[in-house]
C-alpha atoms as a PDB file:
ATOM      1  CA  UNK A   1      -6.571  72.350 -15.191  1.00  0.00           C
ATOM      2  CA  UNK A   2      -5.551  69.432 -13.181  1.00  0.00           C
ATOM      3  CA  UNK A   3      -5.952  65.833 -14.340  1.00  0.00           C
ATOM      4  CA  UNK A   4      -5.598  63.205 -11.610  1.00  0.00           C
ATOM      5  CA  UNK A   5      -5.374  59.607 -12.661  1.00  0.00           C
ATOM      6  CA  UNK A   6      -6.328  57.039 -10.089  1.00  0.00           C
ATOM      7  CA  UNK A   7      -3.512  54.576  -9.412  1.00  0.00           C
ATOM      8  CA  UNK A   8      -5.645  52.112  -7.505  1.00  0.00           C
ATOM      9  CA  UNK A   9      -5.634  49.316 -10.136  1.00  0.00           C
ATOM     10  CA  UNK A  10      -3.246  46.849 -11.775  1.00  0.00           C
ATOM     11  CA  UNK A  11      -1.847  47.437 -15.220  1.00  0.00           C
ATOM     12  CA  UNK A  12      -2.057  44.777 -17.901  1.00  0.00           C
ATOM     13  CA  UNK A  13       1.703  44.221 -17.778  1.00  0.00           C
ATOM     14  CA  UNK A  14       1.629  43.635 -14.012  1.00  0.00           C
ATOM     15  CA  UNK A  15      -1.164  41.079 -14.385  1.00  0.00           C
ATOM     16  CA  UNK A  16       0.711  39.247 -17.153  1.00  0.00           C
ATOM     17  CA  UNK A  17       3.875  39.121 -15.035  1.00  0.00           C
ATOM     18  CA  UNK A  18       1.928  37.660 -12.081  1.00  0.00           C
ATOM     19  CA  UNK A  19       0.309  35.012 -14.320  1.00  0.00           C
ATOM     20  CA  UNK A  20       3.706  34.029 -15.753  1.00  0.00           C
ATOM     21  CA  UNK A  21       5.218  33.726 -12.257  1.00  0.00           C
ATOM     22  CA  UNK A  22       2.301  31.531 -11.097  1.00  0.00           C
ATOM     23  CA  UNK A  23       2.725  29.355 -14.196  1.00  0.00           C
ATOM     24  CA  UNK A  24       6.427  28.835 -13.473  1.00  0.00           C
ATOM     25  CA  UNK A  25       5.687  27.916  -9.858  1.00  0.00           C
ATOM     26  CA  UNK A  26       2.995  25.433 -10.951  1.00  0.00           C
ATOM     27  CA  UNK A  27       5.258  23.856 -13.564  1.00  0.00           C
ATOM     28  CA  UNK A  28       7.862  23.152 -10.872  1.00  0.00           C
ATOM     29  CA  UNK A  29       5.607  22.026  -8.009  1.00  0.00           C
ATOM     30  CA  UNK A  30       3.086  19.786  -9.787  1.00  0.00           C
ATOM     31  CA  UNK A  31       5.671  17.256 -11.119  1.00  0.00           C
ATOM     32  CA  UNK A  32       7.411  17.252  -7.729  1.00  0.00           C
ATOM     33  CA  UNK A  33       4.090  16.443  -6.045  1.00  0.00           C
ATOM     34  CA  UNK A  34       3.415  13.612  -8.496  1.00  0.00           C
ATOM     35  CA  UNK A  35       6.870  12.119  -7.786  1.00  0.00           C
ATOM     36  CA  UNK A  36       6.207  12.264  -4.037  1.00  0.00           C
ATOM     37  CA  UNK A  37       2.912  10.421  -4.461  1.00  0.00           C
ATOM     38  CA  UNK A  38       4.568   7.643  -6.472  1.00  0.00           C
ATOM     39  CA  UNK A  39       7.406   7.431  -3.972  1.00  0.00           C
ATOM     40  CA  UNK A  40       4.949   7.147  -1.077  1.00  0.00           C
ATOM     41  CA  UNK A  41       3.122   4.277  -2.810  1.00  0.00           C
ATOM     42  CA  UNK A  42       6.396   2.401  -3.394  1.00  0.00           C
ATOM     43  CA  UNK A  43       7.501   3.013   0.216  1.00  0.00           C
ATOM     44  CA  UNK A  44       4.169   1.667   1.498  1.00  0.00           C
ATOM     45  CA  UNK A  45       4.614  -1.579  -0.438  1.00  0.00           C
ATOM     46  CA  UNK A  46       8.231  -1.912   0.670  1.00  0.00           C
ATOM     47  CA  UNK A  47       7.123  -1.410   4.288  1.00  0.00           C
ATOM     48  CA  UNK A  48       4.641  -4.267   3.875  1.00  0.00           C
ATOM     49  CA  UNK A  49       7.413  -6.457   2.452  1.00  0.00           C
ATOM     50  CA  UNK A  50       9.603  -5.536   5.428  1.00  0.00           C
ATOM     51  CA  UNK A  51       6.815  -6.497   7.839  1.00  0.00           C
ATOM     52  CA  UNK A  52       6.550  -9.894   6.151  1.00  0.00           C
ATOM     53  CA  UNK A  53      10.329 -10.363   6.334  1.00  0.00           C
ATOM     54  CA  UNK A  54      10.281  -9.497  10.051  1.00  0.00           C
ATOM     55  CA  UNK A  55       7.487 -11.990  10.710  1.00  0.00           C
ATOM     56  CA  UNK A  56       9.367 -14.710   8.815  1.00  0.00           C
ATOM     57  CA  UNK A  57      12.551 -13.938  10.772  1.00  0.00           C
ATOM     58  CA  UNK A  58      10.670 -14.176  14.065  1.00  0.00           C
ATOM     59  CA  UNK A  59       9.124 -17.484  12.966  1.00  0.00           C
ATOM     60  CA  UNK A  60      12.595 -18.721  11.973  1.00  0.00           C
ATOM     61  CA  UNK A  61      13.982 -17.812  15.402  1.00  0.00           C
ATOM     62  CA  UNK A  62      11.031 -19.297  17.306  1.00  0.00           C
ATOM     63  CA  UNK A  63      11.090 -22.574  15.393  1.00  0.00           C
ATOM     64  CA  UNK A  64      14.838 -23.160  15.720  1.00  0.00           C
ATOM     65  CA  UNK A  65      15.947 -22.468  12.156  1.00  0.00           C
ATOM     66  CA  UNK A  66      12.888 -23.670  10.248  1.00  0.00           C
ATOM     67  CA  UNK A  67      11.252 -21.348   7.717  1.00  0.00           C
ATOM     68  CA  UNK A  68       7.477 -21.370   7.290  1.00  0.00           C
ATOM     69  CA  UNK A  69       6.207 -23.059   4.123  1.00  0.00           C
ATOM     70  CA  UNK A  70       3.618 -20.291   3.702  1.00  0.00           C
ATOM     71  CA  UNK A  71       2.393 -17.172   5.484  1.00  0.00           C
ATOM     72  CA  UNK A  72      -0.400 -17.436   8.025  1.00  0.00           C
ATOM     73  CA  UNK A  73      -2.367 -14.664   9.672  1.00  0.00           C
ATOM     74  CA  UNK A  74      -1.199 -15.838  13.117  1.00  0.00           C
ATOM     75  CA  UNK A  75       2.326 -14.667  12.234  1.00  0.00           C
ATOM     76  CA  UNK A  76       1.196 -11.015  12.314  1.00  0.00           C
ATOM     77  CA  UNK A  77       0.132  -8.791  15.193  1.00  0.00           C
ATOM     78  CA  UNK A  78      -3.285  -7.868  13.802  1.00  0.00           C
ATOM     79  CA  UNK A  79      -3.906 -11.321  12.241  1.00  0.00           C
ATOM     80  CA  UNK A  80      -3.738  -9.829   8.763  1.00  0.00           C
ATOM     81  CA  UNK A  81      -1.094 -10.455   6.103  1.00  0.00           C
ATOM     82  CA  UNK A  82       0.241  -7.094   4.814  1.00  0.00           C
ATOM     83  CA  UNK A  83      -0.680  -6.154   1.244  1.00  0.00           C
ATOM     84  CA  UNK A  84       0.736  -3.827  -1.405  1.00  0.00           C
ATOM     85  CA  UNK A  85      -0.715  -0.340  -1.017  1.00  0.00           C
ATOM     86  CA  UNK A  86      -1.308   0.020  -4.771  1.00  0.00           C
ATOM     87  CA  UNK A  87      -2.997  -3.294  -5.489  1.00  0.00           C
ATOM     88  CA  UNK A  88       0.000  -5.454  -6.306  1.00  0.00           C
ATOM     89  CA  UNK A  89       0.341  -8.942  -4.858  1.00  0.00           C
ATOM     90  CA  UNK A  90       3.099  -9.644  -2.341  1.00  0.00           C
ATOM     91  CA  UNK A  91       4.293 -13.244  -2.430  1.00  0.00           C
ATOM     92  CA  UNK A  92       6.460 -15.200   0.007  1.00  0.00           C
ATOM     93  CA  UNK A  93       8.444 -18.094  -1.480  1.00  0.00           C
ATOM     94  CA  UNK A  94      10.613 -20.491   0.494  1.00  0.00           C
ATOM     95  CA  UNK A  95      13.520 -21.208  -1.875  1.00  0.00           C
ATOM     96  CA  UNK A  96      15.430 -23.627   0.368  1.00  0.00           C
ATOM     97  CA  UNK A  97      15.638 -24.631   4.044  1.00  0.00           C
ATOM     98  CA  UNK A  98      17.319 -21.341   4.924  1.00  0.00           C
ATOM     99  CA  UNK A  99      16.433 -18.872   2.134  1.00  0.00           C
ATOM    100  CA  UNK A 100      13.267 -17.190   0.991  1.00  0.00           C
ATOM    101  CA  UNK A 101      12.059 -14.320  -1.173  1.00  0.00           C
ATOM    102  CA  UNK A 102       9.383 -11.696  -0.624  1.00  0.00           C
ATOM    103  CA  UNK A 103       8.342  -9.918  -3.808  1.00  0.00           C
ATOM    104  CA  UNK A 104       5.602  -7.681  -5.117  1.00  0.00           C
ATOM    105  CA  UNK A 105       3.995  -8.323  -8.492  1.00  0.00           C
ATOM    106  CA  UNK A 106       4.873  -4.704  -9.398  1.00  0.00           C
ATOM    107  CA  UNK A 107       8.643  -4.874 -10.140  1.00  0.00           C
ATOM    108  CA  UNK A 108       9.405  -1.263  -9.090  1.00  0.00           C
ATOM    109  CA  UNK A 109       8.204  -2.053  -5.559  1.00  0.00           C
ATOM    110  CA  UNK A 110      10.668  -4.852  -4.839  1.00  0.00           C
ATOM    111  CA  UNK A 111      13.493  -4.536  -2.351  1.00  0.00           C
ATOM    112  CA  UNK A 112      16.584  -6.726  -2.079  1.00  0.00           C
ATOM    113  CA  UNK A 113      15.998 -10.129  -0.471  1.00  0.00           C
ATOM    114  CA  UNK A 114      16.991 -10.638   3.146  1.00  0.00           C
ATOM    115  CA  UNK A 115      17.664 -14.051   4.628  1.00  0.00           C
ATOM    116  CA  UNK A 116      17.558 -14.991   8.313  1.00  0.00           C
END
């Protein structure tokens, strides 16, 4: 008498091992993805701050060493003042005749100040 067992399926142990491996992969990749999303949001806001700084520097150069008192849409290529990508408020403050600050209302988004 011959008894042939079909070996066409997965054993319970093999399935458990696969599920554990997928769980380990998910536990590593999901937090990394969340960190990348947060980093991208911060970088977007910092890029907007950099655009504002560039516009202020160009204004400073064009107007022979005079900083603008406030931002205007005409200072930007698309006539639109850049905004924080996550809903924060970016403010420009002239602190003296030759210094200014550009800051976001979300502290983690701020970059060091640059003066002309």
